[in-house]
């Protein structure tokens, strides 16, 4: 009954928006537990076109807005790997119209740039040459470009930054190999930064001078959760760590001026750091909590900072003694925004697992997948929020929302089909959904 009441309240505040949709083909149906990142979507600056990346490597650019009422295909390309990350570079391209950059997960861990007008590949770089080849034929061992960012420095030079990793295990020995890259717009490698930890996120400051790298797992010589690099040379400026036991460190990092918001997997708190890593404030997000004779926690997986406000999103509940529990942490699947002083501005439920946040100015979009402990299809939705006022709207989906992007008032999301293990019913389809928030 509580889940139904929550859904009714969401429907009451939902905006009435018209979404355009297009099928993306076939993909293995997700099950009760959330799956790894299998799809990507990106809205180009100005909202003139949207690009999707699929698990089979298909990359497609489609017209949006007044240029197309039906998401007409501009071009399609075949990426060498699973296409799991997308961004755009404004400079470059055969006709000077920019490039679409795609991050891959697969045998080669390929980063490739495609002409935004034609889809012709302009350049590529294979991270496998630095990370080494997978030692086991399973998705978790494949070279994986986990994050890509673009930015312009004070001299007007635009660059691409990427973080890639590879995992291997030999008996009880687990090891990560990782590299952070800086590329010029033409694909020339400017520098790289190698460690034996697992990067999970990168973020560039507004000036284009500093790059933050968050490391989720630190098992080797690299033993710090956050590093900040100077973008011209790749030199290390400073580091920060939650100082907790174990190999879990950082879930996400986001620049806001000279501050960095960090979600900590180590102590399940959110931090705002100043220059040099000085702690400005911290807040409890989903810290260990006693409930029904169990100690429960949830990971703060996402952070997004803008104009003196910081948003954090938490994930699934786990128990200290066992990953299986029927209970739920009181702050699981929660989105919360804090002000410059660390005070809570607003919070709300996202109700299901969020693969990643999309943000543009004061708009935050959260693609919400399944809540595997409750298995309630009402959690399947794209939710969007205003940084100042909180909940903005919701679009419910039959399947699960696994990726979202927002830019200049255009919101795009990927839906994937799902079948709960104890129901035998496939819900939803593999599809792209696009709307205007204006």
Protein backbone atom coordinates (compact mmCIF):
# COMPACT_ATOMS: atom_id res chain seq x y z
CA UNK A 1 0.00 0.00 0.00
CA UNK A 2 2.85 2.39 0.79
CA UNK A 3 4.39 1.86 -2.65
CA UNK A 4 1.03 2.57 -4.31
CA UNK A 5 0.56 5.75 -2.28
CA UNK A 6 4.05 6.92 -3.29
CA UNK A 7 3.22 6.32 -6.96
CA UNK A 8 -0.03 8.25 -6.65
CA UNK A 9 1.75 11.24 -5.11
CA UNK A 10 4.28 11.20 -7.93
CA UNK A 11 1.54 11.08 -10.56
CA UNK A 12 -0.18 14.09 -8.99
CA UNK A 13 2.93 16.26 -9.41
CA UNK A 14 4.00 14.85 -12.79
CA UNK A 15 4.17 17.19 -15.74
CA UNK A 16 2.16 16.37 -18.84
CA UNK A 17 4.85 15.98 -21.47
CA UNK A 18 4.80 14.36 -24.88
CA UNK A 19 7.64 11.94 -25.50
CA UNK A 20 8.82 10.84 -28.93
CA UNK A 21 9.98 7.23 -28.96
CA UNK A 22 11.85 4.89 -31.27
CA UNK A 23 12.71 1.20 -30.87
CA UNK A 24 16.39 0.27 -30.60
CA UNK A 25 16.24 -3.39 -31.53
CA UNK A 26 17.04 -6.37 -29.30
CA UNK A 27 18.87 -6.70 -26.00
CA UNK A 28 18.96 -9.42 -23.35
CA UNK A 29 16.13 -8.86 -20.90
CA UNK A 30 17.28 -7.57 -17.51
CA UNK A 31 16.39 -9.57 -14.41
CA UNK A 32 15.52 -8.65 -10.81
CA UNK A 33 18.95 -7.35 -9.90
CA UNK A 34 20.23 -4.35 -11.80
CA UNK A 35 22.64 -5.10 -14.63
CA UNK A 36 25.85 -3.35 -15.67
CA UNK A 37 25.83 -0.35 -17.99
CA UNK A 38 24.68 -1.61 -21.40
CA UNK A 39 23.42 1.54 -23.12
CA UNK A 40 24.31 5.20 -23.50
CA UNK A 41 22.56 8.36 -24.66
CA UNK A 42 23.78 11.91 -25.27
CA UNK A 43 22.00 15.13 -26.23
CA UNK A 44 24.22 17.45 -28.26
CA UNK A 45 24.58 21.10 -27.24
CA UNK A 46 21.54 23.03 -28.38
CA UNK A 47 19.46 19.86 -28.41
CA UNK A 48 19.75 19.57 -32.20
CA UNK A 49 20.43 15.84 -32.21
CA UNK A 50 20.59 12.90 -29.84
CA UNK A 51 23.01 9.96 -30.03
CA UNK A 52 22.44 6.46 -28.66
CA UNK A 53 24.96 3.72 -27.97
CA UNK A 54 23.86 0.09 -27.78
CA UNK A 55 25.26 -3.11 -26.30
CA UNK A 56 25.85 -4.56 -29.78
CA UNK A 57 28.05 -1.57 -30.67
CA UNK A 58 25.48 0.29 -32.79
CA UNK A 59 25.81 4.08 -32.54
CA UNK A 60 23.00 6.18 -34.02
CA UNK A 61 22.54 9.93 -34.33
CA UNK A 62 18.96 11.19 -34.68
CA UNK A 63 17.51 14.62 -35.40
CA UNK A 64 15.45 16.26 -32.65
CA UNK A 65 13.31 19.33 -32.09
CA UNK A 66 11.93 21.33 -35.02
CA UNK A 67 14.24 19.54 -37.46
CA UNK A 68 12.43 16.23 -37.01
CA UNK A 69 9.09 15.09 -35.63
CA UNK A 70 10.03 11.42 -35.75
CA UNK A 71 13.63 11.17 -34.51
CA UNK A 72 14.82 10.70 -38.08
CA UNK A 73 18.14 8.88 -38.32
CA UNK A 74 21.07 11.09 -39.32
CA UNK A 75 23.58 8.26 -39.44
CA UNK A 76 24.51 4.91 -37.90
CA UNK A 77 27.98 3.56 -37.16
CA UNK A 78 29.38 0.31 -35.78
CA UNK A 79 31.63 0.81 -32.75
CA UNK A 80 34.25 -1.95 -32.19
CA UNK A 81 33.02 -2.58 -28.61
CA UNK A 82 29.84 -2.32 -26.61
CA UNK A 83 28.98 1.42 -26.85
CA UNK A 84 28.55 2.49 -23.23
CA UNK A 85 29.49 6.18 -23.11
CA UNK A 86 28.99 9.18 -25.43
CA UNK A 87 29.99 12.83 -25.53
CA UNK A 88 30.61 15.46 -28.22
CA UNK A 89 33.49 17.71 -29.21
CA UNK A 90 32.43 20.98 -30.81
CA UNK A 91 35.65 21.29 -32.82
CA UNK A 92 36.90 18.85 -35.42
CA UNK A 93 34.84 16.81 -37.86
CA UNK A 94 35.13 16.61 -41.61
CA UNK A 95 33.03 19.72 -42.14
CA UNK A 96 33.97 21.49 -38.91
CA UNK A 97 30.64 20.45 -37.38
CA UNK A 98 32.07 18.62 -34.42
CA UNK A 99 32.58 15.00 -33.50
CA UNK A 100 30.73 12.38 -31.48
CA UNK A 101 33.05 10.48 -29.14
CA UNK A 102 32.09 6.97 -28.02
CA UNK A 103 33.53 5.00 -25.12
CA UNK A 104 33.64 1.22 -25.38
CA UNK A 105 33.63 -1.86 -23.19
CA UNK A 106 34.99 -4.91 -24.93
CA UNK A 107 38.12 -6.63 -26.23
CA UNK A 108 39.79 -3.35 -27.24
CA UNK A 109 38.30 -0.73 -24.89
CA UNK A 110 38.05 1.63 -27.86
CA UNK A 111 37.59 5.39 -27.69
CA UNK A 112 36.49 6.56 -31.14
CA UNK A 113 35.41 9.88 -32.67
CA UNK A 114 32.79 10.03 -35.43
CA UNK A 115 31.95 13.02 -37.61
CA UNK A 116 28.76 14.53 -36.19
CA UNK A 117 27.33 15.18 -39.66
CA UNK A 118 28.14 11.91 -41.43
CA UNK A 119 29.13 9.30 -38.84
CA UNK A 120 32.50 8.71 -40.53
CA UNK A 121 35.14 7.63 -38.02
CA UNK A 122 37.76 10.34 -37.56
CA UNK A 123 40.13 8.63 -35.13
CA UNK A 124 40.26 5.94 -32.49
CA UNK A 125 42.39 4.84 -29.56
CA UNK A 126 42.44 1.31 -28.07
CA UNK A 127 42.88 1.31 -24.30
CA UNK A 128 43.73 -2.40 -24.39
CA UNK A 129 47.22 -1.41 -25.56
CA UNK A 130 47.81 0.15 -22.14
CA UNK A 131 45.56 -1.98 -19.92
CA UNK A 132 46.34 -5.40 -21.34
CA UNK A 133 43.91 -7.99 -22.66
CA UNK A 134 41.15 -9.63 -20.68
CA UNK A 135 42.33 -12.81 -18.97
CA UNK A 136 38.81 -14.27 -18.82
CA UNK A 137 35.97 -14.20 -21.33
CA UNK A 138 33.40 -12.42 -19.17
CA UNK A 139 32.10 -8.86 -19.17
CA UNK A 140 33.68 -7.87 -15.86
CA UNK A 141 37.17 -8.65 -17.14
CA UNK A 142 36.91 -6.67 -20.38
CA UNK A 143 38.73 -3.36 -20.85
CA UNK A 144 36.19 -0.67 -19.99
CA UNK A 145 36.20 3.07 -20.69
CA UNK A 146 34.17 4.10 -17.64
CA UNK A 147 33.95 7.86 -18.15
CA UNK A 148 34.58 10.52 -20.81
CA UNK A 149 34.48 14.33 -20.51
CA UNK A 150 35.16 17.29 -22.78
CA UNK A 151 36.20 20.79 -21.86
CA UNK A 152 37.86 23.99 -23.07
CA UNK A 153 40.80 25.62 -21.34
CA UNK A 154 41.56 29.34 -20.90
CA UNK A 155 43.22 29.44 -24.32
CA UNK A 156 40.12 28.10 -26.06
CA UNK A 157 41.65 24.66 -26.67
CA UNK A 158 39.11 21.85 -26.47
CA UNK A 159 40.18 18.45 -25.19
CA UNK A 160 38.76 15.05 -24.40
CA UNK A 161 39.45 13.21 -21.15
CA UNK A 162 38.76 9.54 -20.49
CA UNK A 163 39.27 6.96 -17.75
CA UNK A 164 39.63 3.25 -18.55
CA UNK A 165 40.19 0.16 -16.43
CA UNK A 166 40.62 -3.63 -16.56
CA UNK A 167 40.06 -6.16 -13.77
CA UNK A 168 41.62 -9.57 -13.26
CA UNK A 169 41.62 -12.20 -10.52
CA UNK A 170 43.96 -15.07 -9.81
CA UNK A 171 42.70 -17.08 -6.85
CA UNK A 172 42.46 -14.67 -3.93
CA UNK A 173 44.52 -12.02 -5.70
CA UNK A 174 42.46 -9.27 -7.34
CA UNK A 175 44.03 -6.53 -9.40
CA UNK A 176 43.02 -3.44 -11.37
CA UNK A 177 44.88 -1.76 -14.21
CA UNK A 178 43.75 1.76 -15.11
CA UNK A 179 44.67 4.78 -17.22
CA UNK A 180 43.37 8.36 -17.39
CA UNK A 181 43.85 10.02 -20.80
CA UNK A 182 43.90 13.53 -22.23
CA UNK A 183 43.40 13.86 -26.00
CA UNK A 184 43.44 16.85 -28.31
CA UNK A 185 40.39 17.22 -30.55
CA UNK A 186 42.21 15.48 -33.44
CA UNK A 187 42.83 12.37 -31.32
CA UNK A 188 46.46 13.12 -30.46
CA UNK A 189 47.32 11.74 -27.02
CA UNK A 190 48.50 14.57 -24.78
CA UNK A 191 49.25 12.60 -21.60
CA UNK A 192 48.14 9.62 -19.54
CA UNK A 193 48.07 8.82 -15.82
CA UNK A 194 48.32 5.16 -14.80
CA UNK A 195 47.44 3.50 -11.47
CA UNK A 196 46.58 0.06 -10.10
CA UNK A 197 43.19 1.22 -8.74
CA UNK A 198 39.71 1.26 -10.29
CA UNK A 199 38.49 4.66 -11.55
CA UNK A 200 34.73 5.18 -11.55
CA UNK A 201 34.32 8.83 -12.54
CA UNK A 202 36.07 11.92 -13.89
CA UNK A 203 34.93 15.54 -13.86
CA UNK A 204 36.45 18.73 -15.27
CA UNK A 205 36.29 22.13 -13.60
CA UNK A 206 34.72 25.09 -15.43
CA UNK A 207 38.08 26.66 -16.27
CA UNK A 208 39.31 23.45 -17.90
CA UNK A 209 42.44 23.54 -15.73
CA UNK A 210 41.80 20.66 -13.32
CA UNK A 211 40.47 17.13 -13.70
CA UNK A 212 39.08 15.17 -10.75
CA UNK A 213 39.36 11.37 -10.84
CA UNK A 214 37.38 9.25 -8.40
CA UNK A 215 38.64 5.74 -7.60
CA UNK A 216 36.07 3.27 -6.35
CA UNK A 217 38.34 0.35 -5.42
CA UNK A 218 41.91 0.69 -4.17
CA UNK A 219 43.61 -2.68 -3.70
CA UNK A 220 47.23 -1.99 -4.62
CA UNK A 221 49.89 0.71 -4.33
CA UNK A 222 47.45 3.49 -5.28
CA UNK A 223 45.65 4.06 -1.99
CA UNK A 224 43.63 7.26 -2.32
CA UNK A 225 40.04 7.76 -3.47
CA UNK A 226 40.32 11.11 -5.24
CA UNK A 227 43.08 12.70 -7.27
CA UNK A 228 43.08 16.10 -8.96
CA UNK A 229 45.24 16.45 -12.05
CA UNK A 230 46.50 19.54 -13.88
CA UNK A 231 45.01 19.24 -17.36
CA UNK A 232 47.87 20.77 -19.35
CA UNK A 233 50.42 18.19 -18.23
CA UNK A 234 48.58 15.51 -16.24
CA UNK A 235 50.65 16.35 -13.17
CA UNK A 236 49.15 15.50 -9.79
CA UNK A 237 47.92 18.57 -7.86
CA UNK A 238 46.41 17.00 -4.72
CA UNK A 239 44.64 13.93 -3.34
CA UNK A 240 41.89 13.13 -0.84
CA UNK A 241 40.58 9.98 0.78
CA UNK A 242 37.74 9.23 3.23
CA UNK A 243 40.29 7.44 5.40
CA UNK A 244 38.18 4.33 5.89
CA UNK A 245 39.23 0.69 6.13
CA UNK A 246 38.88 -1.62 3.15
CA UNK A 247 39.19 -0.98 -0.56
CA UNK A 248 35.94 0.98 -1.10
CA UNK A 249 36.61 4.68 -1.56
CA UNK A 250 34.72 7.09 -3.88
CA UNK A 251 31.44 6.70 -5.76
CA UNK A 252 31.34 9.99 -7.68
CA UNK A 253 32.89 13.47 -7.84
CA UNK A 254 31.61 16.77 -9.24
CA UNK A 255 33.28 20.19 -9.52
CA UNK A 256 31.52 23.43 -8.59
CA UNK A 257 33.93 26.35 -8.93
CA UNK A 258 36.90 25.59 -6.70
CA UNK A 259 34.89 23.02 -4.70
CA UNK A 260 34.42 19.31 -5.36
CA UNK A 261 31.45 17.29 -4.15
CA UNK A 262 32.36 13.67 -3.39
CA UNK A 263 30.16 10.71 -2.55
CA UNK A 264 32.07 8.31 -0.33
CA UNK A 265 31.67 4.56 -0.62
CA UNK A 266 34.02 4.23 2.33
CA UNK A 267 31.82 5.77 5.04
CA UNK A 268 28.58 6.32 3.02
CA UNK A 269 28.74 10.11 3.48
CA UNK A 270 28.74 13.08 1.15
CA UNK A 271 31.53 15.65 1.22
CA UNK A 272 32.20 19.11 -0.13
CA UNK A 273 35.93 19.74 -0.50
CA UNK A 274 37.81 22.97 -1.13
CA UNK A 275 41.22 23.51 -2.79
CA UNK A 276 43.78 20.99 -1.67
CA UNK A 277 41.08 18.67 -0.36
CA UNK A 278 40.15 20.79 2.68
CA UNK A 279 36.83 19.56 4.06
CA UNK A 280 34.14 22.25 3.92
CA UNK A 281 31.34 20.02 5.19
CA UNK A 282 30.12 16.44 5.23
CA UNK A 283 26.68 14.86 5.62
CA UNK A 284 25.45 11.40 6.51
CA UNK A 285 23.76 9.84 3.48
CA UNK A 286 23.26 6.12 4.08
CA UNK A 287 25.67 5.36 6.92
CA UNK A 288 25.54 2.10 8.83
CA UNK A 289 22.22 1.94 10.70
CA UNK A 290 20.86 -0.66 13.13
CA UNK A 291 17.46 -2.02 12.08
CA UNK A 292 15.79 -5.28 13.20
CA UNK A 293 19.04 -6.69 14.61
CA UNK A 294 20.91 -5.97 11.37
CA UNK A 295 23.42 -3.29 10.43
CA UNK A 296 22.32 -1.83 7.10
CA UNK A 297 23.91 0.63 4.69
CA UNK A 298 23.59 1.86 1.10
CA UNK A 299 26.22 3.28 -1.21
CA UNK A 300 26.03 6.96 -2.22
CA UNK A 301 26.57 6.34 -5.92
CA UNK A 302 26.16 9.78 -7.51
CA UNK A 303 27.05 13.42 -6.88
CA UNK A 304 26.25 16.54 -8.88
CA UNK A 305 27.24 20.08 -7.88
CA UNK A 306 26.23 23.40 -9.40
CA UNK A 307 26.02 27.01 -8.21
CA UNK A 308 26.49 26.30 -4.53
CA UNK A 309 24.15 23.30 -4.39
CA UNK A 310 25.10 19.64 -4.16
CA UNK A 311 22.92 16.63 -4.98
CA UNK A 312 23.61 13.06 -3.87
CA UNK A 313 21.79 9.82 -4.81
CA UNK A 314 21.99 6.58 -2.84
CA UNK A 315 21.56 3.02 -4.10
CA UNK A 316 20.55 -0.43 -2.87
CA UNK A 317 20.46 -1.62 0.74
CA UNK A 318 23.07 -4.09 1.98
CA UNK A 319 23.70 -5.68 5.36
CA UNK A 320 27.13 -5.68 7.01
CA UNK A 321 26.98 -9.39 7.82
CA UNK A 322 25.34 -10.46 4.53
CA UNK A 323 24.44 -8.91 1.20
CA UNK A 324 21.02 -10.61 1.51
CA UNK A 325 18.44 -8.85 3.68
CA UNK A 326 14.70 -8.34 3.60
CA UNK A 327 15.05 -4.94 5.29
CA UNK A 328 15.67 -1.57 3.66
CA UNK A 329 17.90 1.25 4.80
CA UNK A 330 15.76 4.33 5.54
CA UNK A 331 17.82 6.38 3.06
CA UNK A 332 18.12 3.89 0.19
CA UNK A 333 17.21 5.14 -3.30
CA UNK A 334 17.09 8.73 -2.09
CA UNK A 335 18.00 11.97 -3.83
CA UNK A 336 18.98 14.88 -1.58
CA UNK A 337 20.22 18.39 -2.35
CA UNK A 338 22.26 20.48 0.09
CA UNK A 339 23.13 24.17 0.13
CA UNK A 340 26.50 25.88 0.31
CA UNK A 341 26.57 25.46 4.11
CA UNK A 342 25.73 21.75 3.99
CA UNK A 343 22.13 22.26 5.08
CA UNK A 344 19.46 20.08 3.48
CA UNK A 345 17.46 21.99 0.84
CA UNK A 346 15.13 19.17 -0.25
CA UNK A 347 15.03 15.41 -0.66
CA UNK A 348 12.85 12.82 -2.37
CA UNK A 349 12.67 9.12 -3.25
CA UNK A 350 13.90 7.80 -6.59
CA UNK A 351 12.52 4.41 -5.54
CA UNK A 352 14.77 2.30 -7.80
CA UNK A 353 18.43 1.90 -8.74
CA UNK A 354 19.84 4.90 -10.63
CA UNK A 355 22.64 4.03 -13.06
CA UNK A 356 23.78 7.63 -13.46
CA UNK A 357 22.64 11.23 -13.12
CA UNK A 358 22.30 13.66 -16.02
CA UNK A 359 22.55 17.37 -15.25
CA UNK A 360 22.34 20.63 -17.17
CA UNK A 361 22.18 23.87 -15.21
CA UNK A 362 19.42 23.56 -12.61
CA UNK A 363 17.91 20.41 -14.15
CA UNK A 364 18.80 16.92 -12.92
CA UNK A 365 17.45 13.75 -14.57
CA UNK A 366 17.54 10.33 -12.92
CA UNK A 367 16.87 7.13 -14.93
CA UNK A 368 15.36 4.77 -12.37
CA UNK A 369 15.57 1.02 -12.80
CA UNK A 370 14.29 -1.80 -10.64
CA UNK A 371 14.19 -2.03 -6.85
CA UNK A 372 15.11 -5.70 -6.68
CA UNK A 373 14.08 -6.15 -3.03
CA UNK A 374 10.55 -4.86 -3.68
CA UNK A 375 10.15 -5.68 -7.39
CA UNK A 376 7.59 -2.94 -7.99
CA UNK A 377 7.20 -1.91 -11.66
CA UNK A 378 6.03 1.53 -10.49
CA UNK A 379 9.69 2.31 -9.78
CA UNK A 380 10.51 2.16 -13.52
CA UNK A 381 10.65 5.78 -14.62
CA UNK A 382 12.63 8.80 -15.66
CA UNK A 383 12.42 11.42 -12.93
CA UNK A 384 13.63 14.98 -13.20
CA UNK A 385 14.26 17.59 -10.55
CA UNK A 386 14.99 21.28 -10.15
CA UNK A 387 18.05 22.06 -8.06
CA UNK A 388 16.25 24.87 -6.26
CA UNK A 389 12.76 23.45 -5.71
CA UNK A 390 13.10 19.67 -5.97
CA UNK A 391 10.75 17.27 -7.82
CA UNK A 392 9.84 18.41 -11.32
CA UNK A 393 8.24 15.53 -13.18
CA UNK A 394 8.13 11.85 -13.97
CA UNK A 395 7.67 9.65 -17.03
CA UNK A 396 6.78 6.09 -16.11
CA UNK A 397 8.06 3.25 -18.30
CA UNK A 398 7.04 -0.38 -18.66
CA UNK A 399 10.70 -1.39 -18.76
CA UNK A 400 13.57 0.03 -16.71
CA UNK A 401 15.26 3.37 -17.39
CA UNK A 402 19.01 2.80 -17.56
CA UNK A 403 20.49 5.96 -19.11
CA UNK A 404 19.49 9.61 -19.46
CA UNK A 405 20.84 12.86 -20.88
CA UNK A 406 19.64 16.45 -20.71
CA UNK A 407 20.82 19.57 -22.55
CA UNK A 408 19.21 22.90 -23.42
CA UNK A 409 15.74 21.73 -22.42
CA UNK A 410 15.87 18.39 -24.25
CA UNK A 411 15.60 15.22 -22.16
CA UNK A 412 16.44 11.77 -23.56
CA UNK A 413 16.30 8.38 -21.87
CA UNK A 414 16.92 4.72 -22.67
CA UNK A 415 14.42 2.03 -21.70
CA UNK A 416 15.45 -1.64 -21.46
CA UNK A 417 13.12 -4.65 -21.04
CA UNK A 418 13.03 -6.42 -17.68
CA UNK A 419 11.69 -9.74 -16.37
CA UNK A 420 11.55 -10.24 -12.62
CA UNK A 421 12.84 -13.69 -11.75
CA UNK A 422 9.68 -14.73 -9.89
CA UNK A 423 7.10 -13.42 -12.39
CA UNK A 424 7.94 -14.70 -15.88
CA UNK A 425 6.59 -11.55 -17.57
CA UNK A 426 8.70 -9.33 -19.83
CA UNK A 427 7.99 -5.66 -19.25
CA UNK A 428 8.92 -2.90 -21.68
CA UNK A 429 11.22 -2.76 -24.70
CA UNK A 430 14.60 -1.50 -25.81
CA UNK A 431 13.78 2.06 -26.83
CA UNK A 432 14.81 5.72 -26.89
CA UNK A 433 12.45 8.35 -25.45
CA UNK A 434 12.92 12.10 -26.07
CA UNK A 435 10.97 15.16 -24.93
CA UNK A 436 11.29 18.90 -24.41
CA UNK A 437 11.20 20.22 -20.86
CA UNK A 438 10.51 23.77 -22.03
